[in-house]
Amino acid sequence: MADREQAYKRMLDTAAKLQWNVSMILEAKAVEAEKVRNWMLNHVSSDSFNEQHQQLKETMRLHDQIVEVIDGLTKLGRGMNAIMKVALEHGLDSGDDGSNLFGGGQSGGRL
């Protein structure tokens, strides 16, 4: 069981690191979005575009980029959740109730 326990620990550690990296990406994107917002407020006006349609088209392009990043990160999170769910269900199906995970079980170990 030690190998399975180590595998679970590695999976959880990897998932935690991935979530941390996603949070760093989101933080960087938030900073970038704030810079773009400030630049647009200071440099882009209705005089910058020949028509309102052109102005709307440009703002929609920026909006679509942000939505694409959020969608990609959401898909990444869903994928990780699905992988963890399958791994944990597989562990339960094989007779492992999870009580030995992280040193629990018979010895009464704690984190």
PDB file of N, CA and C in Angstrom:
ATOM      1  N   MET A   1       0.811  -1.205   0.000  1.00  0.00           N
ATOM      2  CA  MET A   1       0.000   0.000   0.000  1.00  0.00           C
ATOM      3  C   MET A   1       0.852   1.265   0.000  1.00  0.00           C
ATOM      4  N   ALA A   2       2.094   1.148   0.362  1.00  0.00           N
ATOM      5  CA  ALA A   2       2.942   2.333   0.431  1.00  0.00           C
ATOM      6  C   ALA A   2       3.095   2.981  -0.942  1.00  0.00           C
ATOM      7  N   ASP A   3       3.170   2.154  -1.999  1.00  0.00           N
ATOM      8  CA  ASP A   3       3.296   2.714  -3.344  1.00  0.00           C
ATOM      9  C   ASP A   3       2.045   3.488  -3.732  1.00  0.00           C
ATOM     10  N   ARG A   4       0.886   2.930  -3.420  1.00  0.00           N
ATOM     11  CA  ARG A   4      -0.372   3.611  -3.744  1.00  0.00           C
ATOM     12  C   ARG A   4      -0.476   4.912  -2.949  1.00  0.00           C
ATOM     13  N   GLU A   5      -0.109   4.857  -1.686  1.00  0.00           N
ATOM     14  CA  GLU A   5      -0.159   6.054  -0.850  1.00  0.00           C
ATOM     15  C   GLU A   5       0.761   7.134  -1.404  1.00  0.00           C
ATOM     16  N   GLN A   6       1.966   6.742  -1.809  1.00  0.00           N
ATOM     17  CA  GLN A   6       2.904   7.702  -2.392  1.00  0.00           C
ATOM     18  C   GLN A   6       2.358   8.276  -3.703  1.00  0.00           C
ATOM     19  N   ALA A   7       1.714   7.420  -4.495  1.00  0.00           N
ATOM     20  CA  ALA A   7       1.139   7.896  -5.755  1.00  0.00           C
ATOM     21  C   ALA A   7       0.040   8.923  -5.487  1.00  0.00           C
ATOM     22  N   TYR A   8      -0.807   8.661  -4.492  1.00  0.00           N
ATOM     23  CA  TYR A   8      -1.858   9.621  -4.137  1.00  0.00           C
ATOM     24  C   TYR A   8      -1.249  10.937  -3.657  1.00  0.00           C
ATOM     25  N   LYS A   9      -0.224  10.839  -2.853  1.00  0.00           N
ATOM     26  CA  LYS A   9       0.428  12.052  -2.361  1.00  0.00           C
ATOM     27  C   LYS A   9       1.020  12.857  -3.511  1.00  0.00           C
ATOM     28  N   ARG A  10       1.668  12.166  -4.452  1.00  0.00           N
ATOM     29  CA  ARG A  10       2.238  12.864  -5.609  1.00  0.00           C
ATOM     30  C   ARG A  10       1.138  13.509  -6.457  1.00  0.00           C
ATOM     31  N   MET A  11       0.031  12.800  -6.624  1.00  0.00           N
ATOM     32  CA  MET A  11      -1.080  13.357  -7.399  1.00  0.00           C
ATOM     33  C   MET A  11      -1.638  14.614  -6.737  1.00  0.00           C
ATOM     34  N   LEU A  12      -1.829  14.551  -5.443  1.00  0.00           N
ATOM     35  CA  LEU A  12      -2.364  15.714  -4.735  1.00  0.00           C
ATOM     36  C   LEU A  12      -1.377  16.873  -4.745  1.00  0.00           C
ATOM     37  N   ASP A  13      -0.092  16.556  -4.599  1.00  0.00           N
ATOM     38  CA  ASP A  13       0.932  17.594  -4.648  1.00  0.00           C
ATOM     39  C   ASP A  13       0.963  18.249  -6.026  1.00  0.00           C
ATOM     40  N   THR A  14       0.883  17.427  -7.060  1.00  0.00           N
ATOM     41  CA  THR A  14       0.868  17.954  -8.420  1.00  0.00           C
ATOM     42  C   THR A  14      -0.368  18.804  -8.662  1.00  0.00           C
ATOM     43  N   ALA A  15      -1.509  18.359  -8.185  1.00  0.00           N
ATOM     44  CA  ALA A  15      -2.747  19.131  -8.344  1.00  0.00           C
ATOM     45  C   ALA A  15      -2.638  20.473  -7.621  1.00  0.00           C
ATOM     46  N   ALA A  16      -2.051  20.461  -6.435  1.00  0.00           N
ATOM     47  CA  ALA A  16      -1.885  21.709  -5.682  1.00  0.00           C
ATOM     48  C   ALA A  16      -0.942  22.663  -6.418  1.00  0.00           C
ATOM     49  N   LYS A  17       0.143  22.130  -6.970  1.00  0.00           N
ATOM     50  CA  LYS A  17       1.080  22.972  -7.721  1.00  0.00           C
ATOM     51  C   LYS A  17       0.418  23.532  -8.976  1.00  0.00           C
ATOM     52  N   LEU A  18      -0.380  22.714  -9.630  1.00  0.00           N
ATOM     53  CA  LEU A  18      -1.085  23.173 -10.822  1.00  0.00           C
ATOM     54  C   LEU A  18      -2.052  24.298 -10.469  1.00  0.00           C
ATOM     55  N   GLN A  19      -2.782  24.139  -9.380  1.00  0.00           N
ATOM     56  CA  GLN A  19      -3.711  25.185  -8.958  1.00  0.00           C
ATOM     57  C   GLN A  19      -2.965  26.472  -8.610  1.00  0.00           C
ATOM     58  N   TRP A  20      -1.799  26.342  -8.001  1.00  0.00           N
ATOM     59  CA  TRP A  20      -0.998  27.525  -7.684  1.00  0.00           C
ATOM     60  C   TRP A  20      -0.571  28.217  -8.976  1.00  0.00           C
ATOM     61  N   ASN A  21      -0.120  27.430  -9.964  1.00  0.00           N
ATOM     62  CA  ASN A  21       0.288  28.005 -11.244  1.00  0.00           C
ATOM     63  C   ASN A  21      -0.885  28.679 -11.948  1.00  0.00           C
ATOM     64  N   VAL A  22      -2.054  28.084 -11.881  1.00  0.00           N
ATOM     65  CA  VAL A  22      -3.245  28.700 -12.471  1.00  0.00           C
ATOM     66  C   VAL A  22      -3.543  30.022 -11.772  1.00  0.00           C
ATOM     67  N   SER A  23      -3.391  30.054 -10.456  1.00  0.00           N
ATOM     68  CA  SER A  23      -3.644  31.307  -9.737  1.00  0.00           C
ATOM     69  C   SER A  23      -2.627  32.377 -10.134  1.00  0.00           C
ATOM     70  N   MET A  24      -1.381  31.972 -10.398  1.00  0.00           N
ATOM     71  CA  MET A  24      -0.369  32.931 -10.854  1.00  0.00           C
ATOM     72  C   MET A  24      -0.707  33.452 -12.255  1.00  0.00           C
ATOM     73  N   ILE A  25      -1.199  32.569 -13.114  1.00  0.00           N
ATOM     74  CA  ILE A  25      -1.620  32.989 -14.455  1.00  0.00           C
ATOM     75  C   ILE A  25      -2.766  33.986 -14.349  1.00  0.00           C
ATOM     76  N   LEU A  26      -3.748  33.673 -13.501  1.00  0.00           N
ATOM     77  CA  LEU A  26      -4.887  34.578 -13.336  1.00  0.00           C
ATOM     78  C   LEU A  26      -4.457  35.924 -12.768  1.00  0.00           C
ATOM     79  N   GLU A  27      -3.528  35.895 -11.822  1.00  0.00           N
ATOM     80  CA  GLU A  27      -3.031  37.148 -11.258  1.00  0.00           C
ATOM     81  C   GLU A  27      -2.325  37.980 -12.325  1.00  0.00           C
ATOM     82  N   ALA A  28      -1.491  37.327 -13.138  1.00  0.00           N
ATOM     83  CA  ALA A  28      -0.793  38.040 -14.209  1.00  0.00           C
ATOM     84  C   ALA A  28      -1.781  38.591 -15.233  1.00  0.00           C
ATOM     85  N   LYS A  29      -2.795  37.810 -15.555  1.00  0.00           N
ATOM     86  CA  LYS A  29      -3.808  38.276 -16.505  1.00  0.00           C
ATOM     87  C   LYS A  29      -4.596  39.453 -15.931  1.00  0.00           C
ATOM     88  N   ALA A  30      -4.853  39.438 -14.637  1.00  0.00           N
ATOM     89  CA  ALA A  30      -5.566  40.554 -14.009  1.00  0.00           C
ATOM     90  C   ALA A  30      -4.731  41.830 -14.076  1.00  0.00           C
ATOM     91  N   VAL A  31      -3.436  41.698 -13.826  1.00  0.00           N
ATOM     92  CA  VAL A  31      -2.540  42.860 -13.915  1.00  0.00           C
ATOM     93  C   VAL A  31      -2.502  43.371 -15.352  1.00  0.00           C
ATOM     94  N   GLU A  32      -2.385  42.442 -16.302  1.00  0.00           N
ATOM     95  CA  GLU A  32      -2.360  42.817 -17.716  1.00  0.00           C
ATOM     96  C   GLU A  32      -3.662  43.500 -18.127  1.00  0.00           C
ATOM     97  N   ALA A  33      -4.779  42.969 -17.684  1.00  0.00           N
ATOM     98  CA  ALA A  33      -6.078  43.554 -18.024  1.00  0.00           C
ATOM     99  C   ALA A  33      -6.211  44.961 -17.447  1.00  0.00           C
ATOM    100  N   GLU A  34      -5.696  45.161 -16.253  1.00  0.00           N
ATOM    101  CA  GLU A  34      -5.738  46.491 -15.640  1.00  0.00           C
ATOM    102  C   GLU A  34      -4.890  47.481 -16.439  1.00  0.00           C
ATOM    103  N   LYS A  35      -3.723  47.037 -16.897  1.00  0.00           N
ATOM    104  CA  LYS A  35      -2.870  47.908 -17.711  1.00  0.00           C
ATOM    105  C   LYS A  35      -3.555  48.258 -19.031  1.00  0.00           C
ATOM    106  N   VAL A  36      -4.173  47.267 -19.659  1.00  0.00           N
ATOM    107  CA  VAL A  36      -4.883  47.513 -20.919  1.00  0.00           C
ATOM    108  C   VAL A  36      -6.039  48.476 -20.688  1.00  0.00           C
ATOM    109  N   ARG A  37      -6.769  48.266 -19.605  1.00  0.00           N
ATOM    110  CA  ARG A  37      -7.886  49.155 -19.291  1.00  0.00           C
ATOM    111  C   ARG A  37      -7.407  50.592 -19.119  1.00  0.00           C
ATOM    112  N   ASN A  38      -6.336  50.767 -18.339  1.00  0.00           N
ATOM    113  CA  ASN A  38      -5.812  52.114 -18.113  1.00  0.00           C
ATOM    114  C   ASN A  38      -5.320  52.750 -19.410  1.00  0.00           C
ATOM    115  N   TRP A  39      -4.631  51.957 -20.236  1.00  0.00           N
ATOM    116  CA  TRP A  39      -4.141  52.487 -21.503  1.00  0.00           C
ATOM    117  C   TRP A  39      -5.307  52.909 -22.391  1.00  0.00           C
ATOM    118  N   MET A  40      -6.324  52.053 -22.448  1.00  0.00           N
ATOM    119  CA  MET A  40      -7.477  52.373 -23.302  1.00  0.00           C
ATOM    120  C   MET A  40      -8.211  53.615 -22.807  1.00  0.00           C
ATOM    121  N   LEU A  41      -8.341  53.750 -21.501  1.00  0.00           N
ATOM    122  CA  LEU A  41      -9.023  54.931 -20.968  1.00  0.00           C
ATOM    123  C   LEU A  41      -8.261  56.211 -21.287  1.00  0.00           C
ATOM    124  N   ASN A  42      -6.931  56.120 -21.303  1.00  0.00           N
ATOM    125  CA  ASN A  42      -6.113  57.307 -21.525  1.00  0.00           C
ATOM    126  C   ASN A  42      -5.818  57.593 -22.996  1.00  0.00           C
ATOM    127  N   HIS A  43      -5.843  56.577 -23.846  1.00  0.00           N
ATOM    128  CA  HIS A  43      -5.403  56.770 -25.224  1.00  0.00           C
ATOM    129  C   HIS A  43      -6.462  56.513 -26.287  1.00  0.00           C
ATOM    130  N   VAL A  44      -7.488  55.795 -25.975  1.00  0.00           N
ATOM    131  CA  VAL A  44      -8.492  55.457 -26.977  1.00  0.00           C
ATOM    132  C   VAL A  44      -9.760  56.252 -26.690  1.00  0.00           C
ATOM    133  N   SER A  45     -10.178  56.957 -27.693  1.00  0.00           N
ATOM    134  CA  SER A  45     -11.431  57.708 -27.581  1.00  0.00           C
ATOM    135  C   SER A  45     -12.231  57.482 -28.858  1.00  0.00           C
ATOM    136  N   SER A  46     -13.401  58.028 -28.888  1.00  0.00           N
ATOM    137  CA  SER A  46     -14.224  57.871 -30.092  1.00  0.00           C
ATOM    138  C   SER A  46     -13.563  58.532 -31.297  1.00  0.00           C
ATOM    139  N   ASP A  47     -12.671  59.489 -31.052  1.00  0.00           N
ATOM    140  CA  ASP A  47     -11.953  60.148 -32.150  1.00  0.00           C
ATOM    141  C   ASP A  47     -10.897  59.238 -32.773  1.00  0.00           C
ATOM    142  N   SER A  48     -10.505  58.177 -32.070  1.00  0.00           N
ATOM    143  CA  SER A  48      -9.481  57.264 -32.572  1.00  0.00           C
ATOM    144  C   SER A  48     -10.001  56.370 -33.688  1.00  0.00           C
ATOM    145  N   PHE A  49     -11.287  56.277 -33.827  1.00  0.00           N
ATOM    146  CA  PHE A  49     -11.899  55.384 -34.812  1.00  0.00           C
ATOM    147  C   PHE A  49     -12.742  56.189 -35.793  1.00  0.00           C
ATOM    148  N   ASN A  50     -12.760  55.721 -37.024  1.00  0.00           N
ATOM    149  CA  ASN A  50     -13.557  56.397 -38.049  1.00  0.00           C
ATOM    150  C   ASN A  50     -15.045  56.213 -37.809  1.00  0.00           C
ATOM    151  N   GLU A  51     -15.405  55.008 -37.359  1.00  0.00           N
ATOM    152  CA  GLU A  51     -16.812  54.692 -37.148  1.00  0.00           C
ATOM    153  C   GLU A  51     -16.991  54.006 -35.799  1.00  0.00           C
ATOM    154  N   GLN A  52     -18.201  54.066 -35.302  1.00  0.00           N
ATOM    155  CA  GLN A  52     -18.505  53.382 -34.048  1.00  0.00           C
ATOM    156  C   GLN A  52     -18.380  51.874 -34.218  1.00  0.00           C
ATOM    157  N   HIS A  53     -18.706  51.387 -35.403  1.00  0.00           N
ATOM    158  CA  HIS A  53     -18.612  49.950 -35.688  1.00  0.00           C
ATOM    159  C   HIS A  53     -17.165  49.463 -35.525  1.00  0.00           C
ATOM    160  N   GLN A  54     -16.218  50.242 -35.979  1.00  0.00           N
ATOM    161  CA  GLN A  54     -14.802  49.870 -35.859  1.00  0.00           C
ATOM    162  C   GLN A  54     -14.372  49.851 -34.383  1.00  0.00           C
ATOM    163  N   GLN A  55     -14.850  50.809 -33.605  1.00  0.00           N
ATOM    164  CA  GLN A  55     -14.538  50.852 -32.179  1.00  0.00           C
ATOM    165  C   GLN A  55     -15.124  49.638 -31.469  1.00  0.00           C
ATOM    166  N   LEU A  56     -16.356  49.295 -31.782  1.00  0.00           N
ATOM    167  CA  LEU A  56     -16.994  48.130 -31.176  1.00  0.00           C
ATOM    168  C   LEU A  56     -16.251  46.852 -31.550  1.00  0.00           C
ATOM    169  N   LYS A  57     -15.832  46.746 -32.794  1.00  0.00           N
ATOM    170  CA  LYS A  57     -15.111  45.567 -33.268  1.00  0.00           C
ATOM    171  C   LYS A  57     -13.805  45.371 -32.491  1.00  0.00           C
ATOM    172  N   GLU A  58     -13.080  46.440 -32.246  1.00  0.00           N
ATOM    173  CA  GLU A  58     -11.806  46.347 -31.519  1.00  0.00           C
ATOM    174  C   GLU A  58     -12.021  45.963 -30.053  1.00  0.00           C
ATOM    175  N   THR A  59     -13.017  46.556 -29.413  1.00  0.00           N
ATOM    176  CA  THR A  59     -13.273  46.199 -28.015  1.00  0.00           C
ATOM    177  C   THR A  59     -13.770  44.762 -27.895  1.00  0.00           C
ATOM    178  N   MET A  60     -14.533  44.290 -28.859  1.00  0.00           N
ATOM    179  CA  MET A  60     -14.991  42.891 -28.846  1.00  0.00           C
ATOM    180  C   MET A  60     -13.819  41.930 -29.033  1.00  0.00           C
ATOM    181  N   ARG A  61     -12.841  42.319 -29.830  1.00  0.00           N
ATOM    182  CA  ARG A  61     -11.653  41.482 -30.027  1.00  0.00           C
ATOM    183  C   ARG A  61     -10.904  41.311 -28.705  1.00  0.00           C
ATOM    184  N   LEU A  62     -10.731  42.397 -27.967  1.00  0.00           N
ATOM    185  CA  LEU A  62     -10.058  42.319 -26.667  1.00  0.00           C
ATOM    186  C   LEU A  62     -10.873  41.476 -25.689  1.00  0.00           C
ATOM    187  N   HIS A  63     -12.168  41.672 -25.682  1.00  0.00           N
ATOM    188  CA  HIS A  63     -13.049  40.904 -24.800  1.00  0.00           C
ATOM    189  C   HIS A  63     -12.957  39.415 -25.114  1.00  0.00           C
ATOM    190  N   ASP A  64     -12.956  39.065 -26.400  1.00  0.00           N
ATOM    191  CA  ASP A  64     -12.873  37.659 -26.805  1.00  0.00           C
ATOM    192  C   ASP A  64     -11.568  37.008 -26.345  1.00  0.00           C
ATOM    193  N   GLN A  65     -10.474  37.765 -26.356  1.00  0.00           N
ATOM    194  CA  GLN A  65      -9.198  37.228 -25.874  1.00  0.00           C
ATOM    195  C   GLN A  65      -9.276  36.884 -24.391  1.00  0.00           C
ATOM    196  N   ILE A  66      -9.887  37.749 -23.619  1.00  0.00           N
ATOM    197  CA  ILE A  66     -10.014  37.507 -22.181  1.00  0.00           C
ATOM    198  C   ILE A  66     -10.906  36.296 -21.925  1.00  0.00           C
ATOM    199  N   VAL A  67     -12.011  36.210 -22.642  1.00  0.00           N
ATOM    200  CA  VAL A  67     -12.918  35.070 -22.490  1.00  0.00           C
ATOM    201  C   VAL A  67     -12.209  33.771 -22.868  1.00  0.00           C
ATOM    202  N   GLU A  68     -11.375  33.804 -23.897  1.00  0.00           N
ATOM    203  CA  GLU A  68     -10.634  32.618 -24.328  1.00  0.00           C
ATOM    204  C   GLU A  68      -9.683  32.129 -23.237  1.00  0.00           C
ATOM    205  N   VAL A  69      -9.006  33.046 -22.562  1.00  0.00           N
ATOM    206  CA  VAL A  69      -8.102  32.667 -21.470  1.00  0.00           C
ATOM    207  C   VAL A  69      -8.891  32.043 -20.323  1.00  0.00           C
ATOM    208  N   ILE A  70      -9.986  32.662 -19.947  1.00  0.00           N
ATOM    209  CA  ILE A  70     -10.808  32.133 -18.857  1.00  0.00           C
ATOM    210  C   ILE A  70     -11.364  30.764 -19.224  1.00  0.00           C
ATOM    211  N   ASP A  71     -11.803  30.601 -20.463  1.00  0.00           N
ATOM    212  CA  ASP A  71     -12.328  29.314 -20.924  1.00  0.00           C
ATOM    213  C   ASP A  71     -11.249  28.234 -20.872  1.00  0.00           C
ATOM    214  N   GLY A  72     -10.040  28.570 -21.302  1.00  0.00           N
ATOM    215  CA  GLY A  72      -8.942  27.604 -21.265  1.00  0.00           C
ATOM    216  C   GLY A  72      -8.607  27.169 -19.847  1.00  0.00           C
ATOM    217  N   LEU A  73      -8.578  28.110 -18.926  1.00  0.00           N
ATOM    218  CA  LEU A  73      -8.281  27.776 -17.535  1.00  0.00           C
ATOM    219  C   LEU A  73      -9.409  26.965 -16.908  1.00  0.00           C
ATOM    220  N   THR A  74     -10.640  27.260 -17.290  1.00  0.00           N
ATOM    221  CA  THR A  74     -11.776  26.476 -16.796  1.00  0.00           C
ATOM    222  C   THR A  74     -11.682  25.036 -17.277  1.00  0.00           C
ATOM    223  N   LYS A  75     -11.349  24.847 -18.543  1.00  0.00           N
ATOM    224  CA  LYS A  75     -11.198  23.496 -19.093  1.00  0.00           C
ATOM    225  C   LYS A  75     -10.058  22.754 -18.402  1.00  0.00           C
ATOM    226  N   LEU A  76      -8.973  23.454 -18.109  1.00  0.00           N
ATOM    227  CA  LEU A  76      -7.853  22.844 -17.394  1.00  0.00           C
ATOM    228  C   LEU A  76      -8.297  22.370 -16.015  1.00  0.00           C
ATOM    229  N   GLY A  77      -9.032  23.207 -15.302  1.00  0.00           N
ATOM    230  CA  GLY A  77      -9.537  22.833 -13.979  1.00  0.00           C
ATOM    231  C   GLY A  77     -10.489  21.660 -14.033  1.00  0.00           C
ATOM    232  N   ARG A  78     -11.380  21.660 -15.005  1.00  0.00           N
ATOM    233  CA  ARG A  78     -12.311  20.538 -15.154  1.00  0.00           C
ATOM    234  C   ARG A  78     -11.565  19.243 -15.464  1.00  0.00           C
ATOM    235  N   GLY A  79     -10.555  19.337 -16.306  1.00  0.00           N
ATOM    236  CA  GLY A  79      -9.760  18.150 -16.634  1.00  0.00           C
ATOM    237  C   GLY A  79      -9.059  17.585 -15.410  1.00  0.00           C
ATOM    238  N   MET A  80      -8.472  18.463 -14.611  1.00  0.00           N
ATOM    239  CA  MET A  80      -7.802  18.000 -13.385  1.00  0.00           C
ATOM    240  C   MET A  80      -8.807  17.390 -12.418  1.00  0.00           C
ATOM    241  N   ASN A  81      -9.974  17.985 -12.296  1.00  0.00           N
ATOM    242  CA  ASN A  81     -11.007  17.425 -11.421  1.00  0.00           C
ATOM    243  C   ASN A  81     -11.433  16.046 -11.890  1.00  0.00           C
ATOM    244  N   ALA A  82     -11.589  15.881 -13.198  1.00  0.00           N
ATOM    245  CA  ALA A  82     -11.992  14.577 -13.739  1.00  0.00           C
ATOM    246  C   ALA A  82     -10.920  13.525 -13.474  1.00  0.00           C
ATOM    247  N   ILE A  83      -9.663  13.891 -13.655  1.00  0.00           N
ATOM    248  CA  ILE A  83      -8.565  12.952 -13.408  1.00  0.00           C
ATOM    249  C   ILE A  83      -8.525  12.546 -11.939  1.00  0.00           C
ATOM    250  N   MET A  84      -8.642  13.516 -11.039  1.00  0.00           N
ATOM    251  CA  MET A  84      -8.616  13.210  -9.608  1.00  0.00           C
ATOM    252  C   MET A  84      -9.817  12.351  -9.213  1.00  0.00           C
ATOM    253  N   LYS A  85     -10.976  12.636  -9.782  1.00  0.00           N
ATOM    254  CA  LYS A  85     -12.176  11.860  -9.469  1.00  0.00           C
ATOM    255  C   LYS A  85     -11.998  10.409  -9.897  1.00  0.00           C
ATOM    256  N   VAL A  86     -11.489  10.190 -11.107  1.00  0.00           N
ATOM    257  CA  VAL A  86     -11.262   8.828 -11.598  1.00  0.00           C
ATOM    258  C   VAL A  86     -10.246   8.112 -10.722  1.00  0.00           C
ATOM    259  N   ALA A  87      -9.170   8.799 -10.368  1.00  0.00           N
ATOM    260  CA  ALA A  87      -8.130   8.174  -9.547  1.00  0.00           C
ATOM    261  C   ALA A  87      -8.672   7.796  -8.175  1.00  0.00           C
ATOM    262  N   LEU A  88      -9.446   8.684  -7.579  1.00  0.00           N
ATOM    263  CA  LEU A  88      -9.990   8.394  -6.252  1.00  0.00           C
ATOM    264  C   LEU A  88     -11.051   7.303  -6.314  1.00  0.00           C
ATOM    265  N   GLU A  89     -11.893   7.312  -7.348  1.00  0.00           N
ATOM    266  CA  GLU A  89     -12.891   6.250  -7.492  1.00  0.00           C
ATOM    267  C   GLU A  89     -12.219   4.906  -7.738  1.00  0.00           C
ATOM    268  N   HIS A  90     -11.130   4.901  -8.507  1.00  0.00           N
ATOM    269  CA  HIS A  90     -10.392   3.666  -8.762  1.00  0.00           C
ATOM    270  C   HIS A  90      -9.824   3.119  -7.452  1.00  0.00           C
ATOM    271  N   GLY A  91      -9.336   4.015  -6.607  1.00  0.00           N
ATOM    272  CA  GLY A  91      -8.812   3.589  -5.312  1.00  0.00           C
ATOM    273  C   GLY A  91      -9.893   2.995  -4.435  1.00  0.00           C
ATOM    274  N   LEU A  92     -11.089   3.573  -4.473  1.00  0.00           N
ATOM    275  CA  LEU A  92     -12.198   3.051  -3.672  1.00  0.00           C
ATOM    276  C   LEU A  92     -12.708   1.730  -4.235  1.00  0.00           C
ATOM    277  N   ASP A  93     -12.737   1.593  -5.558  1.00  0.00           N
ATOM    278  CA  ASP A  93     -13.196   0.355  -6.188  1.00  0.00           C
ATOM    279  C   ASP A  93     -12.266  -0.811  -5.892  1.00  0.00           C
ATOM    280  N   SER A  94     -10.993  -0.532  -5.697  1.00  0.00           N
ATOM    281  CA  SER A  94     -10.037  -1.613  -5.457  1.00  0.00           C
ATOM    282  C   SER A  94      -9.979  -2.010  -3.984  1.00  0.00           C
ATOM    283  N   GLY A  95     -10.922  -1.536  -3.194  1.00  0.00           N
ATOM    284  CA  GLY A  95     -10.996  -1.930  -1.793  1.00  0.00           C
ATOM    285  C   GLY A  95     -10.277  -0.982  -0.852  1.00  0.00           C
ATOM    286  N   ASP A  96      -9.667   0.046  -1.384  1.00  0.00           N
ATOM    287  CA  ASP A  96      -8.984   1.025  -0.545  1.00  0.00           C
ATOM    288  C   ASP A  96      -9.995   2.096  -0.169  1.00  0.00           C
ATOM    289  N   ASP A  97     -10.357   2.166   1.098  1.00  0.00           N
ATOM    290  CA  ASP A  97     -11.354   3.153   1.529  1.00  0.00           C
ATOM    291  C   ASP A  97     -10.735   4.511   1.809  1.00  0.00           C
ATOM    292  N   GLY A  98      -9.444   4.645   1.570  1.00  0.00           N
ATOM    293  CA  GLY A  98      -8.779   5.916   1.785  1.00  0.00           C
ATOM    294  C   GLY A  98      -8.311   6.115   3.208  1.00  0.00           C
ATOM    295  N   SER A  99      -8.570   5.158   4.097  1.00  0.00           N
ATOM    296  CA  SER A  99      -8.189   5.350   5.495  1.00  0.00           C
ATOM    297  C   SER A  99      -6.677   5.314   5.683  1.00  0.00           C
ATOM    298  N   ASN A 100      -5.966   4.676   4.778  1.00  0.00           N
ATOM    299  CA  ASN A 100      -4.510   4.632   4.893  1.00  0.00           C
ATOM    300  C   ASN A 100      -3.834   5.832   4.252  1.00  0.00           C
ATOM    301  N   LEU A 101      -4.600   6.634   3.547  1.00  0.00           N
ATOM    302  CA  LEU A 101      -4.047   7.787   2.878  1.00  0.00           C
ATOM    303  C   LEU A 101      -3.515   8.785   3.907  1.00  0.00           C
ATOM    304  N   PHE A 102      -2.320   9.259   3.716  1.00  0.00           N
ATOM    305  CA  PHE A 102      -1.659  10.226   4.583  1.00  0.00           C
ATOM    306  C   PHE A 102      -1.409   9.704   5.989  1.00  0.00           C
ATOM    307  N   GLY A 103      -1.162   8.436   6.105  1.00  0.00           N
ATOM    308  CA  GLY A 103      -0.750   7.894   7.392  1.00  0.00           C
ATOM    309  C   GLY A 103      -1.878   7.606   8.346  1.00  0.00           C
ATOM    310  N   GLY A 104      -3.119   7.572   7.877  1.00  0.00           N
ATOM    311  CA  GLY A 104      -4.255   7.243   8.746  1.00  0.00           C
ATOM    312  C   GLY A 104      -4.250   5.753   9.013  1.00  0.00           C
ATOM    313  N   GLY A 105      -5.388   5.147   9.064  1.00  0.00           N
ATOM    314  CA  GLY A 105      -5.483   3.693   9.150  1.00  0.00           C
ATOM    315  C   GLY A 105      -5.151   3.141  10.516  1.00  0.00           C
ATOM    316  N   GLN A 106      -4.611   1.920  10.555  1.00  0.00           N
ATOM    317  CA  GLN A 106      -4.375   1.153  11.774  1.00  0.00           C
ATOM    318  C   GLN A 106      -3.439   1.846  12.756  1.00  0.00           C
ATOM    319  N   SER A 107      -2.396   2.472  12.237  1.00  0.00           N
ATOM    320  CA  SER A 107      -1.405   3.046  13.150  1.00  0.00           C
ATOM    321  C   SER A 107      -1.878   4.344  13.782  1.00  0.00           C
ATOM    322  N   GLY A 108      -2.955   4.923  13.226  1.00  0.00           N
ATOM    323  CA  GLY A 108      -3.479   6.164  13.806  1.00  0.00           C
ATOM    324  C   GLY A 108      -2.595   7.358  13.533  1.00  0.00           C
ATOM    325  N   GLY A 109      -1.749   7.263  12.504  1.00  0.00           N
ATOM    326  CA  GLY A 109      -0.847   8.361  12.176  1.00  0.00           C
ATOM    327  C   GLY A 109      -1.597   9.616  11.764  1.00  0.00           C
ATOM    328  N   ARG A 110      -0.963  10.736  11.927  1.00  0.00           N
ATOM    329  CA  ARG A 110      -1.563  12.018  11.576  1.00  0.00           C
ATOM    330  C   ARG A 110      -0.616  12.757  10.645  1.00  0.00           C
ATOM    331  N   LEU A 111      -1.197  13.770   9.974  1.00  0.00           N
ATOM    332  CA  LEU A 111      -0.396  14.617   9.093  1.00  0.00           C
ATOM    333  C   LEU A 111       0.570  15.454   9.860  1.00  0.00           C
TER     334      LEU A 111
END
